[in-house]
Amino acid sequence: MNKYLKITALLIITAMTAPALFAQAPTDAGTSASAFLKIPYGSPRAQALGNAYVSLAEGADSLFWNPAGASVVENKTVHVGYLQWIGDYNARTLAYLQPMGKTIVAVSGTYMDVSGPATDGSGIPLGEWDVRNYVLTVSLARGFFSNVLQLGGTFKYINENNGGTHGESDMHYNNIGFDVGGKLDFKRVGIGVAAINLGDSDEMPSAVRGGAHLKTRYYTLVGEVIKYVDYKLQFGAGLEIHIPEDLLQVARFDLRAGYYSRDSAGINTDNNWISRVGLDRSTQVSFGFGLYSDELFGYGAGLDFACTPFGALGTVYNLAVGIQF
């Protein structure tokens, strides 16, 4: 096992160099629009693992992290997700994946919105604030050499409508973007790199992420770094504990926990379970679970859940269901 740990450490160091190649000068900070594209919608598994998923991405939720991971899909798949983000901002995701020979074709749509009262800097009411954004995608993925090498790409149509209280025309954007990714998966160890939101860096938060993982029958260790064009280098790490399906005789069950280098956001003062378990100051820790069955009324099915405390901003919940047929 020490041999695999050493190999994984080497792969993580190698993958970490990729985002640095794309690092931008500090003068670029805050220049990108469509900031909602940084929200980890579509993949509770990635969120629960501290946003460390680029090398591990597999199946339908890989479309939102590293499209190369969709190449492992063997059956038609429908994926439905719901994210309750901070500030009552919600995201709803629907994806469909269709194998066509050795190539996987996928389409997805994500709709995000928030509305409520708005005020100016002095606290004077301005009316209702209404934000409605959506992203439509088409993805292709394919595996080579028995899926040791996996490649994928995504075309994005992005509509950002921060209509505000006066319907300003300059608050409405339509953009085109792309994601491209690759993975090397040697069963026990793997490495992945993805470039996301490629396009006009003034209109989209382009980024490069790289990472690696070690996978065994009973646990998986994963790490990732990411560099956005308008923000500092960040990193995440996660642990996934597997309880195999042949042990439970019903389904496979995964427990997950992760850490992400996120800035502090104050203290959660609500008298809820987050405070009682001592996470009222946390924004870096996340956790969740996954439940998978190969045979549910004749179909393959999966359920993923993630939770991330965000200090004074509240708590984020992410849920996704997938069906294979």
Protein backbone atom coordinates (compact mmCIF):
# COMPACT_ATOMS: atom_id res chain seq x y z
CA MET A 1 0.00 0.00 0.00
CA ASN A 2 2.89 2.39 0.63
CA LYS A 3 3.80 2.03 -3.05
CA TYR A 4 0.39 3.34 -4.08
CA LEU A 5 0.58 6.21 -1.60
CA LYS A 6 3.93 7.29 -3.05
CA ILE A 7 2.60 7.08 -6.61
CA THR A 8 -0.48 9.11 -5.67
CA ALA A 9 1.63 11.78 -3.97
CA LEU A 10 3.74 12.10 -7.11
CA LEU A 11 0.63 12.36 -9.31
CA ILE A 12 -0.87 15.06 -7.08
CA ILE A 13 2.33 17.13 -7.26
CA THR A 14 2.37 16.74 -11.04
CA ALA A 15 -1.29 17.73 -11.38
CA MET A 16 -0.82 20.76 -9.13
CA THR A 17 1.60 22.32 -11.62
CA ALA A 18 -1.07 22.64 -14.35
CA PRO A 19 -3.14 25.45 -12.76
CA ALA A 20 0.00 27.46 -12.04
CA LEU A 21 0.74 27.58 -15.76
CA PHE A 22 -2.48 29.51 -16.26
CA ALA A 23 -2.17 31.85 -13.27
CA GLN A 24 -3.08 35.45 -14.06
CA ALA A 25 -1.69 38.66 -12.65
CA PRO A 26 -3.40 40.09 -9.55
CA THR A 27 -4.76 42.95 -11.68
CA ASP A 28 -7.24 40.45 -13.17
CA ALA A 29 -8.95 39.89 -9.82
CA GLY A 30 -12.69 40.43 -9.91
CA THR A 31 -12.88 41.12 -13.65
CA SER A 32 -14.96 38.08 -14.64
CA ALA A 33 -18.72 38.10 -15.02
CA SER A 34 -20.94 34.98 -14.62
CA ALA A 35 -19.54 34.33 -11.14
CA PHE A 36 -22.35 31.82 -10.57
CA LEU A 37 -20.36 29.35 -12.72
CA LYS A 38 -18.05 28.90 -9.70
CA ILE A 39 -20.90 27.36 -7.69
CA PRO A 40 -20.50 23.53 -7.37
CA TYR A 41 -23.90 22.65 -8.84
CA GLY A 42 -24.70 19.24 -10.30
CA SER A 43 -22.35 17.11 -8.20
CA PRO A 44 -23.00 16.52 -4.48
CA ARG A 45 -20.17 13.97 -4.52
CA ALA A 46 -17.65 16.62 -5.57
CA GLN A 47 -18.93 19.07 -2.96
CA ALA A 48 -18.78 16.47 -0.17
CA LEU A 49 -15.17 15.63 -1.11
CA GLY A 50 -14.00 19.22 -0.69
CA ASN A 51 -14.40 20.05 -4.39
CA ALA A 52 -11.64 17.51 -5.11
CA TYR A 53 -13.10 15.54 -8.00
CA VAL A 54 -11.30 16.25 -11.28
CA SER A 55 -9.39 12.94 -11.30
CA LEU A 56 -12.19 10.89 -9.75
CA ALA A 57 -15.08 12.26 -11.85
CA GLU A 58 -17.17 9.44 -13.31
CA GLY A 59 -20.70 9.14 -14.58
CA ALA A 60 -23.32 11.83 -15.04
CA ASP A 61 -22.05 14.33 -12.46
CA SER A 62 -18.66 14.44 -14.17
CA LEU A 63 -20.29 16.70 -16.78
CA PHE A 64 -20.11 19.51 -14.22
CA TRP A 65 -16.50 18.89 -13.14
CA ASN A 66 -14.47 17.07 -15.80
CA PRO A 67 -16.41 15.89 -18.88
CA ALA A 68 -13.83 13.18 -19.56
CA GLY A 69 -15.33 11.13 -16.70
CA ALA A 70 -18.58 10.62 -18.64
CA SER A 71 -16.73 8.10 -20.83
CA VAL A 72 -17.31 5.33 -18.26
CA VAL A 73 -21.11 5.46 -18.73
CA GLU A 74 -22.39 2.21 -20.24
CA ASN A 75 -26.15 2.80 -20.19
CA LYS A 76 -28.58 5.61 -20.90
CA THR A 77 -28.58 7.82 -17.81
CA VAL A 78 -30.82 10.55 -16.43
CA HIS A 79 -29.40 12.79 -13.71
CA VAL A 80 -31.47 15.26 -11.65
CA GLY A 81 -29.91 17.61 -9.08
CA TYR A 82 -30.95 20.34 -6.67
CA LEU A 83 -28.61 22.75 -4.87
CA GLN A 84 -29.69 25.08 -2.05
CA TRP A 85 -26.91 27.68 -2.06
CA ILE A 86 -26.29 30.59 0.29
CA GLY A 87 -28.60 33.62 0.19
CA ASP A 88 -31.58 31.51 -0.96
CA TYR A 89 -29.89 31.01 -4.33
CA ASN A 90 -31.04 27.70 -5.79
CA ALA A 91 -29.87 25.60 -8.75
CA ARG A 92 -31.79 22.83 -10.52
CA THR A 93 -29.98 20.49 -12.88
CA LEU A 94 -31.16 17.95 -15.45
CA ALA A 95 -28.81 15.86 -17.62
CA TYR A 96 -29.17 12.99 -20.07
CA LEU A 97 -26.32 10.75 -21.27
CA GLN A 98 -26.53 8.51 -24.34
CA PRO A 99 -23.83 5.94 -25.25
CA MET A 100 -23.18 5.83 -29.01
CA GLY A 101 -20.64 3.08 -29.54
CA LYS A 102 -17.53 4.07 -27.59
CA THR A 103 -18.56 7.72 -27.49
CA ILE A 104 -20.86 9.25 -24.87
CA VAL A 105 -23.11 12.12 -25.92
CA ALA A 106 -24.69 14.18 -23.15
CA VAL A 107 -26.94 17.22 -22.82
CA SER A 108 -27.71 19.16 -19.65
CA GLY A 109 -29.56 22.20 -18.44
CA THR A 110 -29.13 24.12 -15.18
CA TYR A 111 -31.46 26.87 -13.98
CA MET A 112 -30.53 29.12 -11.05
CA ASP A 113 -32.51 31.91 -9.44
CA VAL A 114 -32.97 34.09 -6.40
CA SER A 115 -35.35 36.92 -5.63
CA GLY A 116 -36.08 39.19 -2.70
CA PRO A 117 -35.95 42.75 -1.37
CA ALA A 118 -33.00 44.94 -2.40
CA THR A 119 -31.51 48.00 -0.65
CA ASP A 120 -28.83 50.55 -1.48
CA GLY A 121 -25.67 51.17 0.55
CA SER A 122 -27.68 53.21 3.07
CA GLY A 123 -30.28 50.51 3.58
CA ILE A 124 -32.98 52.31 1.60
CA PRO A 125 -35.36 49.84 -0.11
CA LEU A 126 -35.08 49.72 -3.89
CA GLY A 127 -37.73 47.10 -4.60
CA GLU A 128 -37.40 43.44 -5.49
CA TRP A 129 -34.14 41.94 -6.73
CA ASP A 130 -34.63 39.20 -9.32
CA VAL A 131 -31.77 37.03 -10.62
CA ARG A 132 -32.36 34.27 -13.19
CA ASN A 133 -29.46 32.41 -14.81
CA TYR A 134 -29.25 29.26 -16.87
CA VAL A 135 -26.62 27.12 -18.59
CA LEU A 136 -27.27 24.71 -21.48
CA THR A 137 -24.55 22.22 -22.45
CA VAL A 138 -23.67 19.54 -24.99
CA SER A 139 -20.82 17.18 -24.11
CA LEU A 140 -18.80 14.44 -25.81
CA ALA A 141 -16.59 11.92 -23.99
CA ARG A 142 -14.65 8.86 -25.03
CA GLY A 143 -12.28 6.37 -23.44
CA PHE A 144 -9.18 4.84 -25.01
CA PHE A 145 -7.00 1.84 -24.16
CA SER A 146 -9.71 0.15 -22.06
CA ASN A 147 -10.63 3.52 -20.56
CA VAL A 148 -7.18 4.11 -19.12
CA LEU A 149 -7.16 7.37 -21.07
CA GLN A 150 -10.39 9.39 -20.95
CA LEU A 151 -11.06 12.61 -22.87
CA GLY A 152 -14.08 14.89 -22.95
CA GLY A 153 -15.34 18.31 -23.93
CA THR A 154 -18.40 20.48 -23.27
CA PHE A 155 -20.00 23.34 -25.20
CA LYS A 156 -21.85 25.84 -22.97
CA TYR A 157 -24.49 28.42 -23.72
CA ILE A 158 -24.69 30.77 -20.73
CA ASN A 159 -27.49 33.23 -20.00
CA GLU A 160 -26.99 35.57 -17.05
CA ASN A 161 -29.89 37.84 -16.13
CA ASN A 162 -29.21 39.93 -13.03
CA GLY A 163 -32.25 42.07 -13.79
CA GLY A 164 -32.09 43.98 -10.53
CA THR A 165 -34.84 46.38 -9.60
CA HIS A 166 -34.76 48.53 -12.70
CA GLY A 167 -34.17 45.96 -15.45
CA GLU A 168 -30.87 47.50 -16.55
CA SER A 169 -29.83 46.15 -19.95
CA ASP A 170 -26.16 45.95 -18.92
CA MET A 171 -27.09 43.32 -16.31
CA HIS A 172 -28.00 40.79 -18.99
CA TYR A 173 -25.30 38.64 -20.63
CA ASN A 174 -25.29 35.83 -23.20
CA ASN A 175 -22.01 33.94 -23.49
CA ILE A 176 -20.48 30.89 -25.12
CA GLY A 177 -17.95 28.80 -23.22
CA PHE A 178 -16.17 25.47 -23.30
CA ASP A 179 -14.83 22.86 -20.88
CA VAL A 180 -12.17 20.31 -21.85
CA GLY A 181 -10.73 17.58 -19.67
CA GLY A 182 -8.64 14.44 -19.54
CA LYS A 183 -7.98 11.60 -17.13
CA LEU A 184 -5.53 8.76 -16.72
CA ASP A 185 -7.16 6.01 -14.66
CA PHE A 186 -5.09 3.02 -13.57
CA LYS A 187 -7.86 1.54 -11.37
CA ARG A 188 -6.08 2.18 -8.05
CA VAL A 189 -4.51 5.53 -8.88
CA GLY A 190 -5.53 8.24 -11.30
CA ILE A 191 -4.80 11.77 -12.41
CA GLY A 192 -7.06 14.35 -14.02
CA VAL A 193 -6.83 17.85 -15.50
CA ALA A 194 -9.62 20.10 -16.81
CA ALA A 195 -9.87 23.62 -18.20
CA ILE A 196 -13.31 25.10 -17.56
CA ASN A 197 -15.32 28.13 -18.70
CA LEU A 198 -12.94 28.81 -21.56
CA GLY A 199 -13.80 31.94 -23.50
CA ASP A 200 -13.63 35.66 -22.88
CA SER A 201 -11.99 35.99 -19.45
CA ASP A 202 -13.83 39.29 -18.89
CA GLU A 203 -17.16 37.50 -19.22
CA MET A 204 -16.52 34.11 -17.60
CA PRO A 205 -14.46 32.81 -14.66
CA SER A 206 -12.08 30.62 -16.66
CA ALA A 207 -10.08 28.15 -14.58
CA VAL A 208 -7.76 25.16 -14.68
CA ARG A 209 -7.98 22.34 -12.16
CA GLY A 210 -5.76 19.33 -11.61
CA GLY A 211 -5.70 16.49 -9.13
CA ALA A 212 -5.10 12.84 -8.34
CA HIS A 213 -6.57 10.02 -6.29
CA LEU A 214 -5.87 6.67 -4.68
CA LYS A 215 -8.74 4.18 -4.74
CA THR A 216 -9.09 0.88 -2.85
CA ARG A 217 -12.01 -1.44 -2.18
CA TYR A 218 -12.84 0.27 1.13
CA TYR A 219 -11.70 3.89 0.76
CA THR A 220 -10.64 6.59 -1.69
CA LEU A 221 -8.28 9.52 -1.08
CA VAL A 222 -8.46 12.47 -3.48
CA GLY A 223 -6.83 15.88 -3.87
CA GLU A 224 -7.25 18.81 -6.25
CA VAL A 225 -6.04 22.34 -6.89
CA ILE A 226 -7.85 24.99 -8.96
CA LYS A 227 -6.87 28.43 -10.25
CA TYR A 228 -9.56 30.84 -11.43
CA VAL A 229 -8.50 33.68 -13.70
CA ASP A 230 -9.75 36.23 -11.15
CA TYR A 231 -8.86 34.54 -7.85
CA LYS A 232 -6.02 32.96 -5.94
CA LEU A 233 -4.98 29.32 -6.14
CA GLN A 234 -7.22 27.07 -4.03
CA PHE A 235 -7.06 23.41 -3.03
CA GLY A 236 -9.31 20.66 -1.74
CA ALA A 237 -8.97 17.14 -0.36
CA GLY A 238 -11.46 14.40 0.42
CA LEU A 239 -11.93 10.95 1.89
CA GLU A 240 -14.58 8.47 0.77
CA ILE A 241 -15.33 5.32 2.79
CA HIS A 242 -16.91 2.48 0.76
CA ILE A 243 -19.20 -0.20 2.11
CA PRO A 244 -19.47 -2.59 -0.87
CA GLU A 245 -22.81 -3.80 -2.19
CA ASP A 246 -21.89 -7.45 -1.64
CA LEU A 247 -21.53 -6.75 2.10
CA LEU A 248 -24.83 -4.91 2.51
CA GLN A 249 -26.72 -7.19 0.10
CA VAL A 250 -28.85 -4.17 -0.85
CA ALA A 251 -26.70 -1.37 -2.25
CA ARG A 252 -23.26 0.20 -2.05
CA PHE A 253 -22.98 2.94 0.57
CA ASP A 254 -20.31 5.66 0.62
CA LEU A 255 -19.51 8.10 3.41
CA ARG A 256 -17.63 11.27 2.43
CA ALA A 257 -15.81 14.16 4.07
CA GLY A 258 -13.71 16.93 2.58
CA TYR A 259 -11.76 20.13 3.12
CA TYR A 260 -11.59 23.16 0.79
CA SER A 261 -9.43 26.28 1.23
CA ARG A 262 -12.35 28.68 1.41
CA ASP A 263 -12.27 32.07 3.17
CA SER A 264 -13.96 32.55 6.55
CA ALA A 265 -17.55 33.85 6.60
CA GLY A 266 -18.23 34.68 10.24
CA ILE A 267 -20.18 32.68 12.81
CA ASN A 268 -23.43 30.83 12.40
CA THR A 269 -25.54 32.15 15.30
CA ASP A 270 -28.61 30.02 14.62
CA ASN A 271 -29.42 27.49 17.30
CA ASN A 272 -29.26 24.48 15.00
CA TRP A 273 -27.32 21.24 14.60
CA ILE A 274 -24.41 23.02 12.86
CA SER A 275 -23.71 24.96 16.06
CA ARG A 276 -24.20 21.93 18.27
CA VAL A 277 -21.55 19.90 16.42
CA GLY A 278 -19.04 22.75 16.58
CA LEU A 279 -19.08 23.78 12.89
CA ASP A 280 -20.61 27.23 13.41
CA ARG A 281 -17.37 28.92 12.29
CA SER A 282 -16.54 26.53 9.48
CA THR A 283 -16.64 27.18 5.73
CA GLN A 284 -13.94 24.68 4.77
CA VAL A 285 -15.43 21.36 5.93
CA SER A 286 -17.98 19.39 3.90
CA PHE A 287 -19.50 15.93 4.16
CA GLY A 288 -22.13 13.70 2.63
CA PHE A 289 -23.00 10.23 1.41
CA GLY A 290 -23.86 8.20 -1.67
CA LEU A 291 -26.15 5.20 -2.12
CA TYR A 292 -25.97 3.06 -5.28
CA SER A 293 -27.75 -0.05 -6.46
CA ASP A 294 -27.29 -1.97 -9.71
CA GLU A 295 -30.78 -3.41 -9.50
CA LEU A 296 -33.66 -1.19 -8.36
CA PHE A 297 -36.83 -2.47 -10.00
CA GLY A 298 -34.68 -3.52 -12.93
CA TYR A 299 -32.72 -0.23 -13.15
CA GLY A 300 -29.44 1.10 -11.86
CA ALA A 301 -29.98 3.97 -9.41
CA GLY A 302 -27.98 6.33 -7.25
CA LEU A 303 -28.58 8.98 -4.60
CA ASP A 304 -25.97 11.55 -3.53
CA PHE A 305 -26.18 14.14 -0.77
CA ALA A 306 -23.74 16.81 0.45
CA CYS A 307 -23.72 19.47 3.14
CA THR A 308 -21.34 22.41 3.65
CA PRO A 309 -21.59 24.88 6.56
CA PHE A 310 -20.85 28.49 5.49
CA GLY A 311 -20.58 30.30 8.83
CA ALA A 312 -22.84 33.34 9.08
CA LEU A 313 -24.04 32.76 5.49
CA GLY A 314 -25.91 29.60 6.44
CA THR A 315 -25.62 26.00 5.27
CA VAL A 316 -25.49 24.63 1.72
CA TYR A 317 -27.29 21.41 0.76
CA ASN A 318 -26.85 19.49 -2.49
CA LEU A 319 -28.89 16.48 -3.64
CA ALA A 320 -28.81 14.44 -6.86
CA VAL A 321 -30.57 11.33 -8.17
CA GLY A 322 -29.46 9.24 -11.13
CA ILE A 323 -31.23 6.46 -13.06
CA GLN A 324 -29.57 4.10 -15.58
CA PHE A 325 -31.64 2.09 -18.02
